N, C-alpha and C. Protein backbone atom coordinates (compact mmCIF):
# COMPACT_ATOMS: atom_id res chain seq x y z
N MET A 1 -8.44 15.05 -0.36
CA MET A 1 -7.12 14.80 -0.38
C MET A 1 -7.32 13.73 -2.21
N LYS A 2 -7.27 14.60 -2.99
CA LYS A 2 -7.41 13.88 -4.43
C LYS A 2 -6.37 12.79 -4.89
N ILE A 3 -6.55 11.62 -5.52
CA ILE A 3 -5.44 10.71 -5.93
C ILE A 3 -5.27 10.98 -7.24
N GLU A 4 -3.63 11.78 -7.54
CA GLU A 4 -3.18 12.21 -8.61
C GLU A 4 -1.63 10.85 -8.56
N GLY A 5 -1.04 11.08 -9.84
CA GLY A 5 0.30 10.43 -9.95
C GLY A 5 0.60 9.87 -11.30
N ASN A 6 1.71 10.32 -11.71
CA ASN A 6 2.13 9.40 -12.97
C ASN A 6 3.24 9.05 -13.22
N ASN A 7 3.77 8.15 -11.89
CA ASN A 7 4.95 7.70 -11.77
C ASN A 7 4.87 6.40 -12.35
N LEU A 8 5.36 5.69 -13.14
CA LEU A 8 5.13 4.38 -12.81
C LEU A 8 6.34 3.29 -12.09
N ILE A 9 5.68 2.30 -11.88
CA ILE A 9 6.40 1.15 -11.06
C ILE A 9 6.47 0.01 -11.92
N THR A 10 7.65 -0.73 -11.82
CA THR A 10 7.64 -2.18 -12.30
C THR A 10 6.54 -2.84 -11.25
N GLU A 11 6.08 -4.17 -11.99
CA GLU A 11 4.98 -5.30 -11.76
C GLU A 11 5.56 -5.65 -10.12
N LYS A 12 6.94 -5.66 -10.44
CA LYS A 12 7.46 -6.72 -9.07
C LYS A 12 7.56 -5.31 -7.66
N GLU A 13 7.96 -4.01 -8.28
CA GLU A 13 7.98 -3.30 -7.37
C GLU A 13 6.52 -3.04 -7.00
N GLY A 14 5.74 -3.15 -7.64
CA GLY A 14 4.12 -2.91 -7.06
C GLY A 14 3.97 -3.96 -6.01
N TYR A 15 4.18 -5.21 -6.58
CA TYR A 15 3.80 -6.58 -5.55
C TYR A 15 4.62 -6.03 -4.28
N GLU A 16 5.97 -5.52 -4.38
CA GLU A 16 6.75 -5.39 -2.78
C GLU A 16 6.12 -4.49 -2.27
N ALA A 17 5.47 -3.48 -3.12
CA ALA A 17 5.19 -2.03 -2.39
C ALA A 17 3.74 -2.62 -1.68
N MET A 18 3.29 -3.48 -2.37
CA MET A 18 1.71 -4.19 -1.57
C MET A 18 2.06 -4.76 -0.37
N LEU A 19 3.43 -5.52 -0.35
CA LEU A 19 3.91 -6.28 0.94
C LEU A 19 3.76 -5.12 1.92
N TYR A 20 4.94 -4.27 1.95
CA TYR A 20 5.43 -3.28 2.95
C TYR A 20 3.95 -2.66 3.32
N MET A 21 3.02 -2.28 2.25
CA MET A 21 1.86 -1.53 2.64
C MET A 21 0.95 -2.17 3.98
N LEU A 22 0.75 -3.66 3.16
CA LEU A 22 -0.21 -4.00 4.04
C LEU A 22 0.42 -4.95 5.32
N LYS A 23 1.84 -4.76 5.49
CA LYS A 23 2.21 -5.08 7.11
C LYS A 23 2.03 -3.66 7.63
N ALA A 24 2.55 -2.31 7.39
CA ALA A 24 2.55 -1.20 7.84
C ALA A 24 0.83 -1.12 8.21
N TYR A 25 -0.01 -1.55 7.38
CA TYR A 25 -1.58 -0.92 7.80
C TYR A 25 -1.84 -2.28 8.92
N TRP A 26 -1.18 -2.95 8.89
CA TRP A 26 -1.69 -4.14 9.73
C TRP A 26 -0.92 -3.75 11.06
N GLU A 27 0.30 -3.38 10.78
CA GLU A 27 1.28 -2.64 12.19
C GLU A 27 0.46 -1.68 12.96
N SER A 28 -0.12 -0.77 12.01
CA SER A 28 -0.80 0.01 12.60
C SER A 28 -2.13 0.08 13.17
N THR A 29 -2.81 -0.79 12.90
CA THR A 29 -4.23 -0.93 12.89
C THR A 29 -4.63 -2.44 13.28
N GLY A 30 -3.85 -3.19 13.79
CA GLY A 30 -3.92 -4.53 14.25
C GLY A 30 -5.12 -5.35 13.63
N SER A 31 -5.42 -4.70 12.51
CA SER A 31 -6.64 -5.77 11.73
C SER A 31 -5.81 -6.66 10.50
N ALA A 32 -6.55 -7.97 10.97
CA ALA A 32 -5.92 -8.76 9.73
C ALA A 32 -7.46 -8.94 8.91
N ASP A 33 -8.35 -8.42 8.98
CA ASP A 33 -10.00 -8.50 8.55
C ASP A 33 -9.75 -7.90 6.72
N LEU A 34 -9.80 -8.57 5.92
CA LEU A 34 -9.75 -8.72 4.36
C LEU A 34 -10.55 -7.48 4.45
N THR A 35 -12.19 -7.59 5.25
CA THR A 35 -12.65 -6.10 4.37
C THR A 35 -12.49 -5.05 5.44
N ASP A 36 -11.82 -5.04 6.12
CA ASP A 36 -11.12 -3.59 6.63
C ASP A 36 -10.17 -3.14 5.36
N ILE A 37 -9.30 -4.08 5.28
CA ILE A 37 -8.01 -3.52 4.38
C ILE A 37 -8.96 -3.17 2.90
N LEU A 38 -10.16 -3.97 2.51
CA LEU A 38 -10.62 -3.72 0.98
C LEU A 38 -11.09 -2.26 1.36
N SER A 39 -12.15 -1.81 2.27
CA SER A 39 -12.80 -0.77 2.32
C SER A 39 -11.80 0.76 2.50
N SER A 40 -10.87 0.09 3.27
CA SER A 40 -9.95 1.47 3.17
C SER A 40 -9.14 1.71 2.10
N GLY A 41 -8.77 0.59 1.33
CA GLY A 41 -8.23 0.64 0.00
C GLY A 41 -9.31 1.22 -1.42
N GLU A 42 -10.28 1.45 -1.00
CA GLU A 42 -11.32 1.95 -1.83
C GLU A 42 -11.17 3.56 -1.96
N TYR A 43 -11.75 4.36 -3.24
CA TYR A 43 -11.69 5.43 -3.82
C TYR A 43 -13.00 5.98 -3.92
N TRP A 44 -13.33 7.35 -3.91
CA TRP A 44 -14.48 7.81 -4.23
C TRP A 44 -14.37 8.46 -5.90
N LEU A 45 -15.06 7.84 -6.37
CA LEU A 45 -14.65 8.20 -8.07
C LEU A 45 -15.18 9.46 -8.42
N GLU A 46 -16.10 9.90 -7.63
CA GLU A 46 -16.82 11.47 -7.99
C GLU A 46 -15.71 12.14 -7.39
N GLU A 47 -14.89 12.08 -6.74
CA GLU A 47 -14.06 12.84 -6.02
C GLU A 47 -12.78 12.82 -6.18
N ASP A 48 -12.46 11.48 -6.96
CA ASP A 48 -10.95 10.64 -7.02
C ASP A 48 -10.18 10.79 -5.92
N SER A 49 -10.67 10.66 -4.76
CA SER A 49 -10.15 10.68 -3.51
C SER A 49 -10.03 9.41 -3.05
N PRO A 50 -9.27 9.36 -1.98
CA PRO A 50 -9.43 7.64 -1.12
C PRO A 50 -10.66 7.61 -0.01
N ALA A 51 -11.43 6.72 0.11
CA ALA A 51 -12.08 6.45 1.41
C ALA A 51 -11.36 6.74 2.60
N ASP A 52 -9.87 6.31 2.52
CA ASP A 52 -9.32 6.62 3.93
C ASP A 52 -7.92 7.09 3.46
N SER A 53 -7.76 8.33 3.52
CA SER A 53 -6.53 9.11 3.07
C SER A 53 -5.13 8.33 4.25
N ALA A 54 -5.40 7.58 5.20
CA ALA A 54 -4.40 7.46 5.77
C ALA A 54 -3.47 5.82 5.02
N PHE A 55 -4.69 5.37 3.77
CA PHE A 55 -4.51 4.04 3.34
C PHE A 55 -4.04 4.48 2.04
N TRP A 56 -4.18 5.51 1.51
CA TRP A 56 -3.48 6.27 0.30
C TRP A 56 -1.74 6.43 1.04
N GLU A 57 -1.46 6.89 2.19
CA GLU A 57 -0.43 7.59 2.62
C GLU A 57 0.32 6.13 2.59
N TYR A 58 0.12 4.92 3.16
CA TYR A 58 0.68 3.62 3.50
C TYR A 58 1.26 3.31 2.10
N TRP A 59 0.65 3.79 1.04
CA TRP A 59 0.71 3.01 0.00
C TRP A 59 2.03 3.44 -0.97
N LEU A 60 2.22 5.23 -0.46
CA LEU A 60 2.72 5.94 -0.66
C LEU A 60 4.05 5.74 -0.22
N GLU A 61 3.82 5.61 0.73
CA GLU A 61 5.39 5.15 1.52
C GLU A 61 5.64 3.69 1.33
N ALA A 62 5.17 2.90 1.04
CA ALA A 62 5.44 1.39 0.61
C ALA A 62 6.75 1.38 -0.68
N ILE A 63 5.89 2.46 -1.30
CA ILE A 63 6.50 2.94 -3.32
C ILE A 63 7.65 2.94 -2.47
N GLU A 64 7.86 4.27 -2.04
CA GLU A 64 8.93 4.94 -1.61
C GLU A 64 10.39 3.67 -0.49
N LYS A 65 9.98 2.79 0.09
CA LYS A 65 10.36 2.05 0.57
C LYS A 65 10.92 1.07 0.05
N VAL A 66 10.30 0.62 -1.36
CA VAL A 66 10.40 -0.34 -1.96
C VAL A 66 11.80 0.39 -2.89
N ARG A 67 11.83 1.62 -3.20
CA ARG A 67 12.66 2.10 -3.89
C ARG A 67 14.19 2.58 -3.35
N ARG A 68 13.89 2.44 -1.67
CA ARG A 68 15.09 2.92 -0.83
C ARG A 68 15.25 2.01 -0.64
N GLU A 69 14.58 0.89 -0.24
CA GLU A 69 15.41 -0.35 0.43
C GLU A 69 15.53 -2.07 -0.08
N GLY A 70 14.56 -1.58 -1.66
CA GLY A 70 14.17 -2.96 -2.04
C GLY A 70 13.46 -3.90 -1.41
N PRO A 71 13.32 -5.00 -1.75
CA PRO A 71 12.33 -5.90 -1.86
C PRO A 71 12.21 -6.24 -0.29
N PRO A 72 10.77 -6.56 0.63
CA PRO A 72 10.90 -7.38 1.78
C PRO A 72 12.08 -8.32 2.28
N PRO A 73 12.37 -8.74 3.22
CA PRO A 73 13.19 -9.66 3.50
C PRO A 73 12.86 -10.70 2.82
N LEU A 74 13.58 -11.83 2.29
CA LEU A 74 13.19 -12.93 1.56
C LEU A 74 13.27 -14.36 2.59
N LYS A 75 12.02 -14.95 2.71
CA LYS A 75 12.12 -16.10 3.16
C LYS A 75 12.60 -16.98 2.75
N GLU A 76 13.49 -18.03 3.47
CA GLU A 76 14.16 -19.05 3.00
C GLU A 76 12.96 -20.74 2.77
N LEU A 77 13.38 -21.23 2.00
CA LEU A 77 12.48 -22.41 2.25
C LEU A 77 13.00 -23.60 2.54
N LYS A 78 12.47 -24.40 3.38
CA LYS A 78 12.93 -25.37 4.01
C LYS A 78 12.09 -26.39 3.73
């Protein structure tokens, strides 16, 4: 699977998408290990494809979720 795309999102949408994606990754794998997350997020430059195609799908789904639902629920400061 080649990584392609030229759609732009704002910095805020990118941050919110990252939160959704990390939560989806954690829920599906149960892993909170940063090395797992980082190694899944890498991609092979020569092939321009993700090391873990599911991780790329989490990212695309997270972007769509931000566009569809807006930001994740906000926490109240106490």
